[in-house]
Amino acid sequence: METCAIITGEPNELLAPIHDRMPVVLPREAWAAWLGEEPATADELQALLTPYPAERMRAYPVTTRVNSVKNDDPALLNEVPVASGGAR
């Protein structure tokens, strides 16, 4: 059986005003160690659990439709004007 888990950690400077945690995003060069394809100690793996660089991300408002699992379409990623409070 294949499974997955989302590991959360401290937010970076971009996301801190939005939430007190964020998913850990591993850079491609860390994948092999994390997945056990290359040797790594527990301390080396723990060191990978750091906030993703804020300068490599962008935050923008999206529709409040993202709050329901009933909605699953590409329009959920569209930026909406801040003044509108989110399109419905």
PDB file of N, CA and C in Angstrom:
ATOM      1  N   MET A   1       0.844  -1.166   0.000  1.00  0.00           N
ATOM      2  CA  MET A   1       0.000   0.000   0.000  1.00  0.00           C
ATOM      3  C   MET A   1       0.894   1.236   0.000  1.00  0.00           C
ATOM      4  N   GLU A   2       0.604   2.184  -0.882  1.00  0.00           N
ATOM      5  CA  GLU A   2       1.327   3.442  -0.903  1.00  0.00           C
ATOM      6  C   GLU A   2       0.544   4.470  -0.099  1.00  0.00           C
ATOM      7  N   THR A   3       1.250   5.244   0.702  1.00  0.00           N
ATOM      8  CA  THR A   3       0.610   6.270   1.511  1.00  0.00           C
ATOM      9  C   THR A   3       1.437   7.546   1.442  1.00  0.00           C
ATOM     10  N   CYS A   4       0.902   8.584   1.993  1.00  0.00           N
ATOM     11  CA  CYS A   4       1.652   9.831   2.096  1.00  0.00           C
ATOM     12  C   CYS A   4       1.192  10.576   3.339  1.00  0.00           C
ATOM     13  N   ALA A   5       1.981  11.564   3.702  1.00  0.00           N
ATOM     14  CA  ALA A   5       1.648  12.424   4.834  1.00  0.00           C
ATOM     15  C   ALA A   5       2.124  13.829   4.503  1.00  0.00           C
ATOM     16  N   ILE A   6       1.412  14.809   4.986  1.00  0.00           N
ATOM     17  CA  ILE A   6       1.843  16.189   4.844  1.00  0.00           C
ATOM     18  C   ILE A   6       2.436  16.610   6.175  1.00  0.00           C
ATOM     19  N   ILE A   7       3.695  16.978   6.139  1.00  0.00           N
ATOM     20  CA  ILE A   7       4.387  17.415   7.348  1.00  0.00           C
ATOM     21  C   ILE A   7       4.342  18.932   7.383  1.00  0.00           C
ATOM     22  N   THR A   8       3.908  19.483   8.485  1.00  0.00           N
ATOM     23  CA  THR A   8       3.863  20.936   8.619  1.00  0.00           C
ATOM     24  C   THR A   8       4.933  21.398   9.591  1.00  0.00           C
ATOM     25  N   GLY A   9       5.320  22.653   9.421  1.00  0.00           N
ATOM     26  CA  GLY A   9       6.329  23.237  10.288  1.00  0.00           C
ATOM     27  C   GLY A   9       6.084  24.723  10.448  1.00  0.00           C
ATOM     28  N   GLU A  10       7.083  25.412  10.925  1.00  0.00           N
ATOM     29  CA  GLU A  10       6.993  26.856  11.108  1.00  0.00           C
ATOM     30  C   GLU A  10       6.784  27.531   9.751  1.00  0.00           C
ATOM     31  N   PRO A  11       5.990  28.594   9.703  1.00  0.00           N
ATOM     32  CA  PRO A  11       5.803  29.300   8.430  1.00  0.00           C
ATOM     33  C   PRO A  11       7.003  30.204   8.126  1.00  0.00           C
ATOM     34  N   ASN A  12       7.184  30.508   6.845  1.00  0.00           N
ATOM     35  CA  ASN A  12       8.198  31.494   6.471  1.00  0.00           C
ATOM     36  C   ASN A  12       7.598  32.897   6.627  1.00  0.00           C
ATOM     37  N   GLU A  13       8.375  33.931   6.279  1.00  0.00           N
ATOM     38  CA  GLU A  13       7.921  35.317   6.475  1.00  0.00           C
ATOM     39  C   GLU A  13       6.688  35.649   5.643  1.00  0.00           C
ATOM     40  N   LEU A  14       6.550  35.014   4.486  1.00  0.00           N
ATOM     41  CA  LEU A  14       5.404  35.286   3.616  1.00  0.00           C
ATOM     42  C   LEU A  14       4.114  34.735   4.211  1.00  0.00           C
ATOM     43  N   LEU A  15       4.174  33.534   4.744  1.00  0.00           N
ATOM     44  CA  LEU A  15       2.963  32.873   5.234  1.00  0.00           C
ATOM     45  C   LEU A  15       2.650  33.131   6.704  1.00  0.00           C
ATOM     46  N   ALA A  16       3.609  33.591   7.466  1.00  0.00           N
ATOM     47  CA  ALA A  16       3.381  33.818   8.898  1.00  0.00           C
ATOM     48  C   ALA A  16       2.181  34.720   9.184  1.00  0.00           C
ATOM     49  N   PRO A  17       1.943  35.791   8.402  1.00  0.00           N
ATOM     50  CA  PRO A  17       0.758  36.614   8.668  1.00  0.00           C
ATOM     51  C   PRO A  17      -0.562  35.905   8.346  1.00  0.00           C
ATOM     52  N   ILE A  18      -0.481  34.813   7.579  1.00  0.00           N
ATOM     53  CA  ILE A  18      -1.685  34.096   7.148  1.00  0.00           C
ATOM     54  C   ILE A  18      -1.992  32.922   8.068  1.00  0.00           C
ATOM     55  N   HIS A  19      -0.952  32.202   8.505  1.00  0.00           N
ATOM     56  CA  HIS A  19      -1.169  30.994   9.314  1.00  0.00           C
ATOM     57  C   HIS A  19       0.062  30.707  10.165  1.00  0.00           C
ATOM     58  N   ASP A  20      -0.138  29.954  11.250  1.00  0.00           N
ATOM     59  CA  ASP A  20       0.975  29.665  12.162  1.00  0.00           C
ATOM     60  C   ASP A  20       1.784  28.436  11.780  1.00  0.00           C
ATOM     61  N   ARG A  21       1.445  27.797  10.670  1.00  0.00           N
ATOM     62  CA  ARG A  21       2.241  26.678  10.173  1.00  0.00           C
ATOM     63  C   ARG A  21       2.062  26.590   8.656  1.00  0.00           C
ATOM     64  N   MET A  22       2.941  25.839   8.007  1.00  0.00           N
ATOM     65  CA  MET A  22       2.860  25.627   6.567  1.00  0.00           C
ATOM     66  C   MET A  22       3.429  24.251   6.247  1.00  0.00           C
ATOM     67  N   PRO A  23       3.050  23.689   5.105  1.00  0.00           N
ATOM     68  CA  PRO A  23       3.644  22.407   4.721  1.00  0.00           C
ATOM     69  C   PRO A  23       5.148  22.558   4.509  1.00  0.00           C
ATOM     70  N   VAL A  24       5.896  21.529   4.864  1.00  0.00           N
ATOM     71  CA  VAL A  24       7.317  21.500   4.564  1.00  0.00           C
ATOM     72  C   VAL A  24       7.452  21.155   3.082  1.00  0.00           C
ATOM     73  N   VAL A  25       8.222  21.947   2.355  1.00  0.00           N
ATOM     74  CA  VAL A  25       8.466  21.717   0.935  1.00  0.00           C
ATOM     75  C   VAL A  25       9.946  21.403   0.785  1.00  0.00           C
ATOM     76  N   LEU A  26      10.238  20.196   0.322  1.00  0.00           N
ATOM     77  CA  LEU A  26      11.630  19.790   0.176  1.00  0.00           C
ATOM     78  C   LEU A  26      12.146  20.147  -1.211  1.00  0.00           C
ATOM     79  N   PRO A  27      13.354  20.685  -1.294  1.00  0.00           N
ATOM     80  CA  PRO A  27      13.941  20.949  -2.611  1.00  0.00           C
ATOM     81  C   PRO A  27      14.253  19.621  -3.306  1.00  0.00           C
ATOM     82  N   ARG A  28      14.246  19.630  -4.612  1.00  0.00           N
ATOM     83  CA  ARG A  28      14.465  18.414  -5.397  1.00  0.00           C
ATOM     84  C   ARG A  28      15.730  17.667  -4.967  1.00  0.00           C
ATOM     85  N   GLU A  29      16.786  18.410  -4.642  1.00  0.00           N
ATOM     86  CA  GLU A  29      18.044  17.749  -4.277  1.00  0.00           C
ATOM     87  C   GLU A  29      17.956  16.987  -2.948  1.00  0.00           C
ATOM     88  N   ALA A  30      16.903  17.175  -2.174  1.00  0.00           N
ATOM     89  CA  ALA A  30      16.725  16.461  -0.905  1.00  0.00           C
ATOM     90  C   ALA A  30      15.815  15.241  -1.044  1.00  0.00           C
ATOM     91  N   TRP A  31      15.173  15.088  -2.165  1.00  0.00           N
ATOM     92  CA  TRP A  31      14.203  14.000  -2.319  1.00  0.00           C
ATOM     93  C   TRP A  31      14.809  12.622  -2.089  1.00  0.00           C
ATOM     94  N   ALA A  32      15.965  12.345  -2.680  1.00  0.00           N
ATOM     95  CA  ALA A  32      16.554  11.004  -2.575  1.00  0.00           C
ATOM     96  C   ALA A  32      16.864  10.651  -1.121  1.00  0.00           C
ATOM     97  N   ALA A  33      17.416  11.588  -0.382  1.00  0.00           N
ATOM     98  CA  ALA A  33      17.704  11.321   1.031  1.00  0.00           C
ATOM     99  C   ALA A  33      16.407  11.109   1.801  1.00  0.00           C
ATOM    100  N   TRP A  34      15.416  11.967   1.576  1.00  0.00           N
ATOM    101  CA  TRP A  34      14.155  11.870   2.314  1.00  0.00           C
ATOM    102  C   TRP A  34      13.444  10.548   2.028  1.00  0.00           C
ATOM    103  N   LEU A  35      13.504  10.098   0.780  1.00  0.00           N
ATOM    104  CA  LEU A  35      12.812   8.869   0.388  1.00  0.00           C
ATOM    105  C   LEU A  35      13.632   7.601   0.654  1.00  0.00           C
ATOM    106  N   GLY A  36      14.809   7.750   1.250  1.00  0.00           N
ATOM    107  CA  GLY A  36      15.614   6.584   1.603  1.00  0.00           C
ATOM    108  C   GLY A  36      16.404   6.018   0.443  1.00  0.00           C
ATOM    109  N   GLU A  37      16.499   6.742  -0.662  1.00  0.00           N
ATOM    110  CA  GLU A  37      17.273   6.275  -1.812  1.00  0.00           C
ATOM    111  C   GLU A  37      18.758   6.544  -1.627  1.00  0.00           C
ATOM    112  N   GLU A  38      19.097   7.448  -0.729  1.00  0.00           N
ATOM    113  CA  GLU A  38      20.475   7.754  -0.361  1.00  0.00           C
ATOM    114  C   GLU A  38      20.554   7.702   1.160  1.00  0.00           C
ATOM    115  N   PRO A  39      21.702   7.305   1.697  1.00  0.00           N
ATOM    116  CA  PRO A  39      21.823   7.241   3.160  1.00  0.00           C
ATOM    117  C   PRO A  39      21.734   8.627   3.801  1.00  0.00           C
ATOM    118  N   ALA A  40      21.065   8.681   4.930  1.00  0.00           N
ATOM    119  CA  ALA A  40      20.958   9.928   5.698  1.00  0.00           C
ATOM    120  C   ALA A  40      20.657   9.574   7.146  1.00  0.00           C
ATOM    121  N   THR A  41      21.239  10.324   8.042  1.00  0.00           N
ATOM    122  CA  THR A  41      20.985  10.111   9.474  1.00  0.00           C
ATOM    123  C   THR A  41      19.686  10.803   9.866  1.00  0.00           C
ATOM    124  N   ALA A  42      19.179  10.459  11.013  1.00  0.00           N
ATOM    125  CA  ALA A  42      17.966  11.113  11.520  1.00  0.00           C
ATOM    126  C   ALA A  42      18.194  12.618  11.664  1.00  0.00           C
ATOM    127  N   ASP A  43      19.376  13.019  12.122  1.00  0.00           N
ATOM    128  CA  ASP A  43      19.675  14.443  12.259  1.00  0.00           C
ATOM    129  C   ASP A  43      19.708  15.148  10.903  1.00  0.00           C
ATOM    130  N   GLU A  44      20.240  14.494   9.886  1.00  0.00           N
ATOM    131  CA  GLU A  44      20.268  15.078   8.537  1.00  0.00           C
ATOM    132  C   GLU A  44      18.853  15.243   7.984  1.00  0.00           C
ATOM    133  N   LEU A  45      18.003  14.268   8.237  1.00  0.00           N
ATOM    134  CA  LEU A  45      16.621  14.362   7.777  1.00  0.00           C
ATOM    135  C   LEU A  45      15.865  15.441   8.538  1.00  0.00           C
ATOM    136  N   GLN A  46      16.072  15.512   9.829  1.00  0.00           N
ATOM    137  CA  GLN A  46      15.431  16.551  10.650  1.00  0.00           C
ATOM    138  C   GLN A  46      15.827  17.938  10.158  1.00  0.00           C
ATOM    139  N   ALA A  47      17.063  18.108   9.731  1.00  0.00           N
ATOM    140  CA  ALA A  47      17.555  19.395   9.254  1.00  0.00           C
ATOM    141  C   ALA A  47      16.859  19.840   7.960  1.00  0.00           C
ATOM    142  N   LEU A  48      16.224  18.913   7.251  1.00  0.00           N
ATOM    143  CA  LEU A  48      15.502  19.259   6.022  1.00  0.00           C
ATOM    144  C   LEU A  48      14.154  19.915   6.310  1.00  0.00           C
ATOM    145  N   LEU A  49      13.664  19.782   7.526  1.00  0.00           N
ATOM    146  CA  LEU A  49      12.327  20.273   7.875  1.00  0.00           C
ATOM    147  C   LEU A  49      12.360  21.755   8.249  1.00  0.00           C
ATOM    148  N   THR A  50      12.707  22.567   7.278  1.00  0.00           N
ATOM    149  CA  THR A  50      12.808  24.014   7.477  1.00  0.00           C
ATOM    150  C   THR A  50      11.793  24.721   6.584  1.00  0.00           C
ATOM    151  N   PRO A  51      11.436  25.947   6.913  1.00  0.00           N
ATOM    152  CA  PRO A  51      10.497  26.685   6.060  1.00  0.00           C
ATOM    153  C   PRO A  51      11.058  26.893   4.658  1.00  0.00           C
ATOM    154  N   TYR A  52      10.203  26.727   3.655  1.00  0.00           N
ATOM    155  CA  TYR A  52      10.588  26.966   2.266  1.00  0.00           C
ATOM    156  C   TYR A  52      10.885  28.451   2.106  1.00  0.00           C
ATOM    157  N   PRO A  53      11.892  28.819   1.308  1.00  0.00           N
ATOM    158  CA  PRO A  53      12.250  30.237   1.162  1.00  0.00           C
ATOM    159  C   PRO A  53      11.086  31.097   0.660  1.00  0.00           C
ATOM    160  N   ALA A  54      10.772  32.130   1.395  1.00  0.00           N
ATOM    161  CA  ALA A  54       9.663  33.019   1.040  1.00  0.00           C
ATOM    162  C   ALA A  54       9.860  33.662  -0.323  1.00  0.00           C
ATOM    163  N   GLU A  55      11.108  33.953  -0.682  1.00  0.00           N
ATOM    164  CA  GLU A  55      11.355  34.607  -1.961  1.00  0.00           C
ATOM    165  C   GLU A  55      11.068  33.705  -3.162  1.00  0.00           C
ATOM    166  N   ARG A  56      10.863  32.410  -2.923  1.00  0.00           N
ATOM    167  CA  ARG A  56      10.526  31.478  -4.014  1.00  0.00           C
ATOM    168  C   ARG A  56       9.019  31.221  -4.079  1.00  0.00           C
ATOM    169  N   MET A  57       8.246  31.994  -3.296  1.00  0.00           N
ATOM    170  CA  MET A  57       6.793  31.817  -3.241  1.00  0.00           C
ATOM    171  C   MET A  57       6.084  33.131  -3.544  1.00  0.00           C
ATOM    172  N   ARG A  58       4.780  33.019  -3.796  1.00  0.00           N
ATOM    173  CA  ARG A  58       3.934  34.189  -4.001  1.00  0.00           C
ATOM    174  C   ARG A  58       2.612  33.910  -3.314  1.00  0.00           C
ATOM    175  N   ALA A  59       2.071  34.894  -2.623  1.00  0.00           N
ATOM    176  CA  ALA A  59       0.768  34.761  -1.964  1.00  0.00           C
ATOM    177  C   ALA A  59      -0.198  35.713  -2.646  1.00  0.00           C
ATOM    178  N   TYR A  60      -1.412  35.252  -2.852  1.00  0.00           N
ATOM    179  CA  TYR A  60      -2.449  36.097  -3.438  1.00  0.00           C
ATOM    180  C   TYR A  60      -3.813  35.573  -3.004  1.00  0.00           C
ATOM    181  N   PRO A  61      -4.818  36.447  -2.971  1.00  0.00           N
ATOM    182  CA  PRO A  61      -6.153  36.012  -2.540  1.00  0.00           C
ATOM    183  C   PRO A  61      -6.820  35.124  -3.592  1.00  0.00           C
ATOM    184  N   VAL A  62      -7.542  34.133  -3.109  1.00  0.00           N
ATOM    185  CA  VAL A  62      -8.314  33.244  -3.980  1.00  0.00           C
ATOM    186  C   VAL A  62      -9.761  33.206  -3.490  1.00  0.00           C
ATOM    187  N   THR A  63     -10.616  32.622  -4.272  1.00  0.00           N
ATOM    188  CA  THR A  63     -12.027  32.536  -3.929  1.00  0.00           C
ATOM    189  C   THR A  63     -12.265  31.728  -2.648  1.00  0.00           C
ATOM    190  N   THR A  64     -13.308  32.063  -1.943  1.00  0.00           N
ATOM    191  CA  THR A  64     -13.680  31.298  -0.747  1.00  0.00           C
ATOM    192  C   THR A  64     -14.195  29.909  -1.115  1.00  0.00           C
ATOM    193  N   ARG A  65     -14.370  29.637  -2.400  1.00  0.00           N
ATOM    194  CA  ARG A  65     -14.769  28.295  -2.850  1.00  0.00           C
ATOM    195  C   ARG A  65     -13.729  27.242  -2.456  1.00  0.00           C
ATOM    196  N   VAL A  66     -12.489  27.653  -2.176  1.00  0.00           N
ATOM    197  CA  VAL A  66     -11.457  26.689  -1.781  1.00  0.00           C
ATOM    198  C   VAL A  66     -11.793  26.032  -0.443  1.00  0.00           C
ATOM    199  N   ASN A  67     -12.721  26.590   0.295  1.00  0.00           N
ATOM    200  CA  ASN A  67     -13.069  26.074   1.620  1.00  0.00           C
ATOM    201  C   ASN A  67     -13.982  24.856   1.592  1.00  0.00           C
ATOM    202  N   SER A  68     -14.394  24.415   0.409  1.00  0.00           N
ATOM    203  CA  SER A  68     -15.281  23.252   0.323  1.00  0.00           C
ATOM    204  C   SER A  68     -14.671  22.183  -0.576  1.00  0.00           C
ATOM    205  N   VAL A  69     -14.635  20.958  -0.070  1.00  0.00           N
ATOM    206  CA  VAL A  69     -14.116  19.849  -0.876  1.00  0.00           C
ATOM    207  C   VAL A  69     -15.017  19.524  -2.058  1.00  0.00           C
ATOM    208  N   LYS A  70     -16.230  20.059  -2.070  1.00  0.00           N
ATOM    209  CA  LYS A  70     -17.129  19.850  -3.212  1.00  0.00           C
ATOM    210  C   LYS A  70     -16.593  20.531  -4.469  1.00  0.00           C
ATOM    211  N   ASN A  71     -15.765  21.543  -4.283  1.00  0.00           N
ATOM    212  CA  ASN A  71     -15.219  22.295  -5.411  1.00  0.00           C
ATOM    213  C   ASN A  71     -13.844  21.750  -5.766  1.00  0.00           C
ATOM    214  N   ASP A  72     -13.671  21.399  -7.031  1.00  0.00           N
ATOM    215  CA  ASP A  72     -12.401  20.836  -7.485  1.00  0.00           C
ATOM    216  C   ASP A  72     -12.216  21.193  -8.954  1.00  0.00           C
ATOM    217  N   ASP A  73     -11.795  22.421  -9.206  1.00  0.00           N
ATOM    218  CA  ASP A  73     -11.604  22.860 -10.580  1.00  0.00           C
ATOM    219  C   ASP A  73     -10.473  23.875 -10.646  1.00  0.00           C
ATOM    220  N   PRO A  74      -9.889  24.068 -11.812  1.00  0.00           N
ATOM    221  CA  PRO A  74      -8.749  24.980 -11.953  1.00  0.00           C
ATOM    222  C   PRO A  74      -9.049  26.426 -11.553  1.00  0.00           C
ATOM    223  N   ALA A  75     -10.297  26.848 -11.607  1.00  0.00           N
ATOM    224  CA  ALA A  75     -10.646  28.227 -11.255  1.00  0.00           C
ATOM    225  C   ALA A  75     -10.348  28.546  -9.794  1.00  0.00           C
ATOM    226  N   LEU A  76     -10.180  27.528  -8.959  1.00  0.00           N
ATOM    227  CA  LEU A  76      -9.850  27.756  -7.553  1.00  0.00           C
ATOM    228  C   LEU A  76      -8.495  28.449  -7.399  1.00  0.00           C
ATOM    229  N   LEU A  77      -7.647  28.349  -8.405  1.00  0.00           N
ATOM    230  CA  LEU A  77      -6.316  28.952  -8.349  1.00  0.00           C
ATOM    231  C   LEU A  77      -6.292  30.391  -8.841  1.00  0.00           C
ATOM    232  N   ASN A  78      -7.389  30.868  -9.390  1.00  0.00           N
ATOM    233  CA  ASN A  78      -7.431  32.228  -9.929  1.00  0.00           C
ATOM    234  C   ASN A  78      -7.346  33.267  -8.823  1.00  0.00           C
ATOM    235  N   GLU A  79      -6.559  34.307  -9.073  1.00  0.00           N
ATOM    236  CA  GLU A  79      -6.464  35.418  -8.134  1.00  0.00           C
ATOM    237  C   GLU A  79      -7.752  36.224  -8.188  1.00  0.00           C
ATOM    238  N   VAL A  80      -8.243  36.662  -7.038  1.00  0.00           N
ATOM    239  CA  VAL A  80      -9.438  37.500  -6.986  1.00  0.00           C
ATOM    240  C   VAL A  80      -9.072  38.835  -6.344  1.00  0.00           C
ATOM    241  N   PRO A  81      -9.790  39.893  -6.694  1.00  0.00           N
ATOM    242  CA  PRO A  81      -9.517  41.202  -6.086  1.00  0.00           C
ATOM    243  C   PRO A  81      -9.712  41.164  -4.570  1.00  0.00           C
ATOM    244  N   VAL A  82      -8.841  41.806  -3.849  1.00  0.00           N
ATOM    245  CA  VAL A  82      -8.902  41.825  -2.379  1.00  0.00           C
ATOM    246  C   VAL A  82     -10.201  42.465  -1.893  1.00  0.00           C
ATOM    247  N   ALA A  83     -10.630  43.534  -2.519  1.00  0.00           N
ATOM    248  CA  ALA A  83     -11.822  44.265  -2.079  1.00  0.00           C
ATOM    249  C   ALA A  83     -13.090  43.433  -2.173  1.00  0.00           C
ATOM    250  N   SER A  84     -13.113  42.407  -3.048  1.00  0.00           N
ATOM    251  CA  SER A  84     -14.330  41.642  -3.230  1.00  0.00           C
ATOM    252  C   SER A  84     -14.578  40.656  -2.098  1.00  0.00           C
ATOM    253  N   GLY A  85     -13.536  40.317  -1.332  1.00  0.00           N
ATOM    254  CA  GLY A  85     -13.688  39.335  -0.264  1.00  0.00           C
ATOM    255  C   GLY A  85     -13.729  37.916  -0.799  1.00  0.00           C
ATOM    256  N   GLY A  86     -13.452  37.752  -2.067  1.00  0.00           N
ATOM    257  CA  GLY A  86     -13.455  36.426  -2.678  1.00  0.00           C
ATOM    258  C   GLY A  86     -14.737  36.181  -3.433  1.00  0.00           C
ATOM    259  N   ALA A  87     -14.603  35.712  -4.652  1.00  0.00           N
ATOM    260  CA  ALA A  87     -15.783  35.400  -5.466  1.00  0.00           C
ATOM    261  C   ALA A  87     -16.433  34.131  -4.950  1.00  0.00           C
ATOM    262  N   ARG A  88     -17.673  34.001  -5.132  1.00  0.00           N
ATOM    263  CA  ARG A  88     -18.404  32.804  -4.675  1.00  0.00           C
ATOM    264  C   ARG A  88     -18.767  31.905  -5.806  1.00  0.00           C
TER     265      ARG A  88
END
